[in-house]
Structures are given as C-alpha cells and as structure tokens.
Amino acid sequence: MSQPSTGPVVERVDARHRYEILVDGERAGLTAYRDRGAQRVFHHTEVGDAFAGQGLAALLVQRALTDVRDSGKRVVPVCPYVAKFVEKHDEFADITDPVTPDVLRWLEAELD
C-alpha cells in the first residue's frame, strides 16, 4: 500500500541562495536570490520539465515572497517570472522595490 503524497514543500536553502520546491522529496524547481542589505533580489526561477504545468512555480514564488515578508526584507524582482508574479499579486506591492541599474550592476558583480 502506497503512502499518499503530502503535497509540494518549499524550503529556503540559505547556503545556496535559493528557495526549492520539493515534490515527494524530489527537487522540482527553485527560485534563486541574493541578499542586498534589507532587499532580497530574485534573479532566476525554474521548474523541471517533468513538473511543468502543475502550478509549482507560482506556489514556490508565493511562499518565497511570504517568507521575505515574514523576515522583514523587501523584494527586488529581477527574474521575469517573479516580476510578473508581483504585478499580478497586489498583496506583495508593499514589499516590492523597483529594479534599478544600480541593483543590476550589483547583481552582476555578485554572480561573477
């Protein structure tokens, strides 16, 4: 007899600068960030092909942004997926900062 699935789990993995979404213990996707003072700059989101079309990216980003709010930080949505998500979800507007040339230069240096 098999165990029922408990649903996707989102974990913050600080050592790797990302949030991961797990389905039945397998990493299905991630959203990557770097912290810049009180800002959490999201720069990449992906979900594996085997998990596409299940709404996992939206769930991952929603839980990540909720964690950012709970930690007292602000969001900078460099990642196009995160940017579209915050445009559609006004509940995160109060913690979202604009993407500026300064942020982009800083992020490029961080990722080199």
N, C-alpha and C. Protein backbone atom coordinates (compact mmCIF):
# COMPACT_ATOMS: atom_id res chain seq x y z
N MET A 1 0.85 -1.18 0.00
CA MET A 1 0.00 0.00 0.00
C MET A 1 0.89 1.24 0.00
N SER A 2 0.63 2.17 -0.90
CA SER A 2 1.49 3.35 -1.01
C SER A 2 0.96 4.48 -0.12
N GLN A 3 1.90 5.33 0.28
CA GLN A 3 1.54 6.49 1.11
C GLN A 3 1.02 7.60 0.22
N PRO A 4 0.00 8.34 0.65
CA PRO A 4 -0.47 9.46 -0.15
C PRO A 4 0.56 10.59 -0.15
N SER A 5 0.60 11.33 -1.23
CA SER A 5 1.51 12.47 -1.34
C SER A 5 1.07 13.55 -0.35
N THR A 6 2.06 14.21 0.25
CA THR A 6 1.74 15.27 1.21
C THR A 6 1.69 16.63 0.53
N GLY A 7 1.94 16.68 -0.77
CA GLY A 7 1.93 17.95 -1.49
C GLY A 7 3.31 18.57 -1.53
N PRO A 8 3.46 19.58 -2.36
CA PRO A 8 4.76 20.23 -2.51
C PRO A 8 5.21 20.92 -1.23
N VAL A 9 6.51 20.90 -1.01
CA VAL A 9 7.12 21.54 0.15
C VAL A 9 8.11 22.58 -0.38
N VAL A 10 8.07 23.79 0.19
CA VAL A 10 9.02 24.84 -0.18
C VAL A 10 9.98 25.05 0.98
N GLU A 11 11.27 25.03 0.67
CA GLU A 11 12.31 25.22 1.68
C GLU A 11 13.24 26.34 1.25
N ARG A 12 13.66 27.17 2.20
CA ARG A 12 14.70 28.17 1.93
C ARG A 12 16.04 27.50 2.21
N VAL A 13 16.94 27.57 1.24
CA VAL A 13 18.26 26.96 1.36
C VAL A 13 19.27 28.11 1.31
N ASP A 14 19.53 28.71 2.47
CA ASP A 14 20.38 29.90 2.53
C ASP A 14 21.78 29.66 1.98
N ALA A 15 22.34 28.50 2.23
CA ALA A 15 23.71 28.21 1.77
C ALA A 15 23.81 28.25 0.24
N ARG A 16 22.70 28.03 -0.45
CA ARG A 16 22.71 28.04 -1.92
C ARG A 16 21.96 29.25 -2.47
N HIS A 17 21.52 30.16 -1.60
CA HIS A 17 20.84 31.40 -2.00
C HIS A 17 19.60 31.11 -2.85
N ARG A 18 18.76 30.23 -2.36
CA ARG A 18 17.56 29.92 -3.13
C ARG A 18 16.50 29.26 -2.27
N TYR A 19 15.30 29.27 -2.82
CA TYR A 19 14.18 28.50 -2.29
C TYR A 19 14.00 27.33 -3.25
N GLU A 20 13.71 26.17 -2.71
CA GLU A 20 13.48 24.99 -3.53
C GLU A 20 12.08 24.47 -3.26
N ILE A 21 11.44 23.95 -4.30
CA ILE A 21 10.16 23.28 -4.13
C ILE A 21 10.37 21.80 -4.38
N LEU A 22 9.93 21.00 -3.41
CA LEU A 22 10.10 19.56 -3.46
C LEU A 22 8.75 18.87 -3.64
N VAL A 23 8.73 17.90 -4.51
CA VAL A 23 7.53 17.08 -4.72
C VAL A 23 7.93 15.64 -4.41
N ASP A 24 7.31 15.07 -3.40
CA ASP A 24 7.65 13.72 -2.94
C ASP A 24 9.15 13.58 -2.70
N GLY A 25 9.75 14.62 -2.12
CA GLY A 25 11.16 14.59 -1.76
C GLY A 25 12.12 14.93 -2.89
N GLU A 26 11.62 15.10 -4.10
CA GLU A 26 12.47 15.41 -5.25
C GLU A 26 12.38 16.90 -5.57
N ARG A 27 13.55 17.52 -5.81
CA ARG A 27 13.53 18.95 -6.14
C ARG A 27 12.88 19.14 -7.51
N ALA A 28 11.80 19.89 -7.53
CA ALA A 28 11.06 20.14 -8.77
C ALA A 28 11.41 21.49 -9.37
N GLY A 29 11.90 22.40 -8.54
CA GLY A 29 12.23 23.73 -9.05
C GLY A 29 12.89 24.57 -7.98
N LEU A 30 13.28 25.78 -8.40
CA LEU A 30 13.93 26.70 -7.47
C LEU A 30 13.73 28.13 -7.92
N THR A 31 13.87 29.05 -6.98
CA THR A 31 13.96 30.46 -7.29
C THR A 31 15.18 30.98 -6.53
N ALA A 32 16.12 31.57 -7.27
CA ALA A 32 17.41 31.98 -6.73
C ALA A 32 17.41 33.46 -6.37
N TYR A 33 18.16 33.79 -5.33
CA TYR A 33 18.22 35.17 -4.86
C TYR A 33 19.60 35.50 -4.33
N ARG A 34 19.83 36.78 -4.15
CA ARG A 34 20.97 37.28 -3.39
C ARG A 34 20.42 38.38 -2.48
N ASP A 35 20.94 38.44 -1.27
CA ASP A 35 20.52 39.48 -0.34
C ASP A 35 21.42 40.70 -0.49
N ARG A 36 20.78 41.85 -0.55
CA ARG A 36 21.46 43.15 -0.67
C ARG A 36 20.91 44.03 0.44
N GLY A 37 21.55 43.97 1.59
CA GLY A 37 21.02 44.70 2.74
C GLY A 37 19.65 44.15 3.12
N ALA A 38 18.66 45.02 3.15
CA ALA A 38 17.30 44.62 3.51
C ALA A 38 16.50 44.14 2.30
N GLN A 39 17.15 44.00 1.16
CA GLN A 39 16.48 43.56 -0.06
C GLN A 39 16.88 42.13 -0.40
N ARG A 40 15.91 41.36 -0.84
CA ARG A 40 16.18 40.03 -1.39
C ARG A 40 15.93 40.15 -2.90
N VAL A 41 17.01 40.04 -3.66
CA VAL A 41 16.97 40.24 -5.11
C VAL A 41 16.82 38.88 -5.78
N PHE A 42 15.64 38.64 -6.36
CA PHE A 42 15.37 37.38 -7.06
C PHE A 42 15.83 37.51 -8.50
N HIS A 43 16.67 36.57 -8.96
CA HIS A 43 17.23 36.70 -10.30
C HIS A 43 16.97 35.52 -11.22
N HIS A 44 16.42 34.42 -10.71
CA HIS A 44 16.17 33.27 -11.59
C HIS A 44 15.16 32.32 -10.94
N THR A 45 14.23 31.83 -11.76
CA THR A 45 13.26 30.83 -11.31
C THR A 45 13.17 29.75 -12.39
N GLU A 46 13.13 28.50 -11.96
CA GLU A 46 12.97 27.41 -12.92
C GLU A 46 12.22 26.26 -12.27
N VAL A 47 11.50 25.51 -13.12
CA VAL A 47 10.83 24.28 -12.72
C VAL A 47 11.21 23.23 -13.76
N GLY A 48 11.56 22.04 -13.30
CA GLY A 48 11.95 20.97 -14.21
C GLY A 48 10.83 20.58 -15.16
N ASP A 49 11.22 20.15 -16.36
CA ASP A 49 10.24 19.76 -17.38
C ASP A 49 9.25 18.71 -16.88
N ALA A 50 9.72 17.79 -16.08
CA ALA A 50 8.85 16.72 -15.57
C ALA A 50 7.75 17.25 -14.65
N PHE A 51 7.92 18.49 -14.17
CA PHE A 51 6.97 19.06 -13.22
C PHE A 51 6.20 20.25 -13.80
N ALA A 52 6.41 20.53 -15.08
CA ALA A 52 5.77 21.69 -15.71
C ALA A 52 4.25 21.55 -15.73
N GLY A 53 3.58 22.70 -15.73
CA GLY A 53 2.13 22.72 -15.86
C GLY A 53 1.35 22.37 -14.61
N GLN A 54 2.02 22.32 -13.46
CA GLN A 54 1.34 21.95 -12.22
C GLN A 54 1.15 23.13 -11.28
N GLY A 55 1.54 24.32 -11.72
CA GLY A 55 1.42 25.50 -10.86
C GLY A 55 2.49 25.59 -9.79
N LEU A 56 3.57 24.83 -9.95
CA LEU A 56 4.59 24.79 -8.92
C LEU A 56 5.40 26.09 -8.84
N ALA A 57 5.66 26.72 -9.98
CA ALA A 57 6.42 27.98 -9.96
C ALA A 57 5.66 29.05 -9.18
N ALA A 58 4.37 29.15 -9.41
CA ALA A 58 3.55 30.14 -8.68
C ALA A 58 3.54 29.84 -7.19
N LEU A 59 3.39 28.59 -6.82
CA LEU A 59 3.39 28.22 -5.41
C LEU A 59 4.75 28.52 -4.78
N LEU A 60 5.81 28.18 -5.48
CA LEU A 60 7.17 28.43 -5.00
C LEU A 60 7.39 29.93 -4.75
N VAL A 61 7.06 30.76 -5.73
CA VAL A 61 7.29 32.19 -5.60
C VAL A 61 6.38 32.79 -4.52
N GLN A 62 5.14 32.36 -4.45
CA GLN A 62 4.22 32.88 -3.43
C GLN A 62 4.77 32.59 -2.03
N ARG A 63 5.23 31.38 -1.81
CA ARG A 63 5.76 31.03 -0.48
C ARG A 63 7.08 31.73 -0.21
N ALA A 64 7.91 31.90 -1.24
CA ALA A 64 9.18 32.62 -1.06
C ALA A 64 8.92 34.07 -0.69
N LEU A 65 7.99 34.71 -1.37
CA LEU A 65 7.68 36.12 -1.08
C LEU A 65 7.05 36.27 0.30
N THR A 66 6.25 35.32 0.69
CA THR A 66 5.69 35.34 2.04
C THR A 66 6.80 35.23 3.08
N ASP A 67 7.78 34.39 2.82
CA ASP A 67 8.92 34.26 3.72
C ASP A 67 9.71 35.58 3.77
N VAL A 68 9.88 36.23 2.63
CA VAL A 68 10.57 37.52 2.60
C VAL A 68 9.83 38.52 3.49
N ARG A 69 8.51 38.58 3.33
CA ARG A 69 7.71 39.49 4.16
C ARG A 69 7.90 39.16 5.64
N ASP A 70 7.81 37.88 5.99
CA ASP A 70 7.93 37.46 7.38
C ASP A 70 9.30 37.79 7.97
N SER A 71 10.32 37.83 7.12
CA SER A 71 11.68 38.12 7.60
C SER A 71 11.96 39.62 7.66
N GLY A 72 11.01 40.45 7.22
CA GLY A 72 11.19 41.89 7.28
C GLY A 72 12.00 42.47 6.13
N LYS A 73 12.26 41.66 5.11
CA LYS A 73 13.01 42.13 3.95
C LYS A 73 12.06 42.65 2.87
N ARG A 74 12.66 43.17 1.81
CA ARG A 74 11.92 43.66 0.65
C ARG A 74 12.33 42.85 -0.57
N VAL A 75 11.50 42.84 -1.59
CA VAL A 75 11.70 42.06 -2.80
C VAL A 75 12.14 42.96 -3.94
N VAL A 76 13.16 42.52 -4.68
CA VAL A 76 13.52 43.16 -5.95
C VAL A 76 13.40 42.08 -7.02
N PRO A 77 12.39 42.19 -7.91
CA PRO A 77 12.10 41.12 -8.87
C PRO A 77 12.86 41.27 -10.19
N VAL A 78 14.14 40.93 -10.20
CA VAL A 78 14.92 40.94 -11.44
C VAL A 78 14.46 39.79 -12.34
N CYS A 79 14.18 38.65 -11.76
CA CYS A 79 13.69 37.49 -12.50
C CYS A 79 12.36 37.83 -13.19
N PRO A 80 12.25 37.61 -14.50
CA PRO A 80 10.99 37.93 -15.20
C PRO A 80 9.77 37.22 -14.61
N TYR A 81 9.93 35.98 -14.17
CA TYR A 81 8.78 35.26 -13.60
C TYR A 81 8.33 35.93 -12.30
N VAL A 82 9.27 36.26 -11.43
CA VAL A 82 8.92 36.91 -10.17
C VAL A 82 8.31 38.29 -10.45
N ALA A 83 8.84 39.01 -11.42
CA ALA A 83 8.31 40.33 -11.78
C ALA A 83 6.84 40.22 -12.21
N LYS A 84 6.53 39.24 -13.07
CA LYS A 84 5.13 39.06 -13.50
C LYS A 84 4.25 38.64 -12.33
N PHE A 85 4.79 37.81 -11.46
CA PHE A 85 4.02 37.35 -10.30
C PHE A 85 3.62 38.54 -9.42
N VAL A 86 4.57 39.42 -9.10
CA VAL A 86 4.23 40.54 -8.22
C VAL A 86 3.31 41.54 -8.91
N GLU A 87 3.38 41.65 -10.23
CA GLU A 87 2.44 42.51 -10.96
C GLU A 87 1.01 42.01 -10.80
N LYS A 88 0.84 40.70 -10.78
CA LYS A 88 -0.49 40.09 -10.69
C LYS A 88 -0.98 39.92 -9.25
N HIS A 89 -0.09 40.07 -8.27
CA HIS A 89 -0.45 39.82 -6.88
C HIS A 89 -0.16 41.07 -6.05
N ASP A 90 -1.15 41.94 -5.98
CA ASP A 90 -1.01 43.22 -5.28
C ASP A 90 -0.64 43.07 -3.81
N GLU A 91 -0.88 41.91 -3.24
CA GLU A 91 -0.58 41.73 -1.82
C GLU A 91 0.91 41.83 -1.51
N PHE A 92 1.75 41.81 -2.56
CA PHE A 92 3.19 41.96 -2.35
C PHE A 92 3.73 43.32 -2.79
N ALA A 93 2.85 44.20 -3.25
CA ALA A 93 3.28 45.52 -3.74
C ALA A 93 3.98 46.33 -2.65
N ASP A 94 3.53 46.19 -1.41
CA ASP A 94 4.09 46.99 -0.31
C ASP A 94 5.51 46.58 0.08
N ILE A 95 5.98 45.42 -0.40
CA ILE A 95 7.35 44.99 -0.07
C ILE A 95 8.23 44.89 -1.32
N THR A 96 7.75 45.40 -2.45
CA THR A 96 8.48 45.29 -3.71
C THR A 96 9.18 46.59 -4.05
N ASP A 97 10.47 46.50 -4.33
CA ASP A 97 11.27 47.65 -4.77
C ASP A 97 11.54 47.51 -6.26
N PRO A 98 11.73 48.65 -6.95
CA PRO A 98 11.99 48.58 -8.39
C PRO A 98 13.38 48.02 -8.72
N VAL A 99 13.47 47.47 -9.90
CA VAL A 99 14.77 47.03 -10.42
C VAL A 99 15.44 48.27 -11.01
N THR A 100 16.59 48.62 -10.48
CA THR A 100 17.31 49.81 -10.93
C THR A 100 18.64 49.41 -11.56
N PRO A 101 19.24 50.30 -12.34
CA PRO A 101 20.57 50.00 -12.89
C PRO A 101 21.59 49.68 -11.80
N ASP A 102 21.48 50.33 -10.66
CA ASP A 102 22.39 50.06 -9.55
C ASP A 102 22.25 48.63 -9.04
N VAL A 103 21.01 48.18 -8.91
CA VAL A 103 20.75 46.80 -8.47
C VAL A 103 21.31 45.81 -9.50
N LEU A 104 21.10 46.10 -10.78
CA LEU A 104 21.58 45.19 -11.82
C LEU A 104 23.11 45.11 -11.84
N ARG A 105 23.79 46.24 -11.66
CA ARG A 105 25.25 46.22 -11.60
C ARG A 105 25.72 45.43 -10.39
N TRP A 106 25.07 45.66 -9.25
CA TRP A 106 25.43 44.93 -8.03
C TRP A 106 25.24 43.42 -8.23
N LEU A 107 24.09 43.04 -8.82
CA LEU A 107 23.80 41.62 -9.02
C LEU A 107 24.81 40.98 -9.96
N GLU A 108 25.15 41.66 -11.01
CA GLU A 108 26.14 41.12 -11.96
C GLU A 108 27.47 40.84 -11.25
N ALA A 109 27.90 41.77 -10.40
CA ALA A 109 29.13 41.57 -9.64
C ALA A 109 29.00 40.40 -8.67
N GLU A 110 27.85 40.25 -8.04
CA GLU A 110 27.62 39.14 -7.10
C GLU A 110 27.68 37.78 -7.79
N LEU A 111 27.17 37.72 -9.00
CA LEU A 111 27.07 36.44 -9.69
C LEU A 111 28.31 36.06 -10.47
N ASP A 112 29.25 36.99 -10.61
CA ASP A 112 30.51 36.68 -11.31
C ASP A 112 31.41 35.78 -10.51
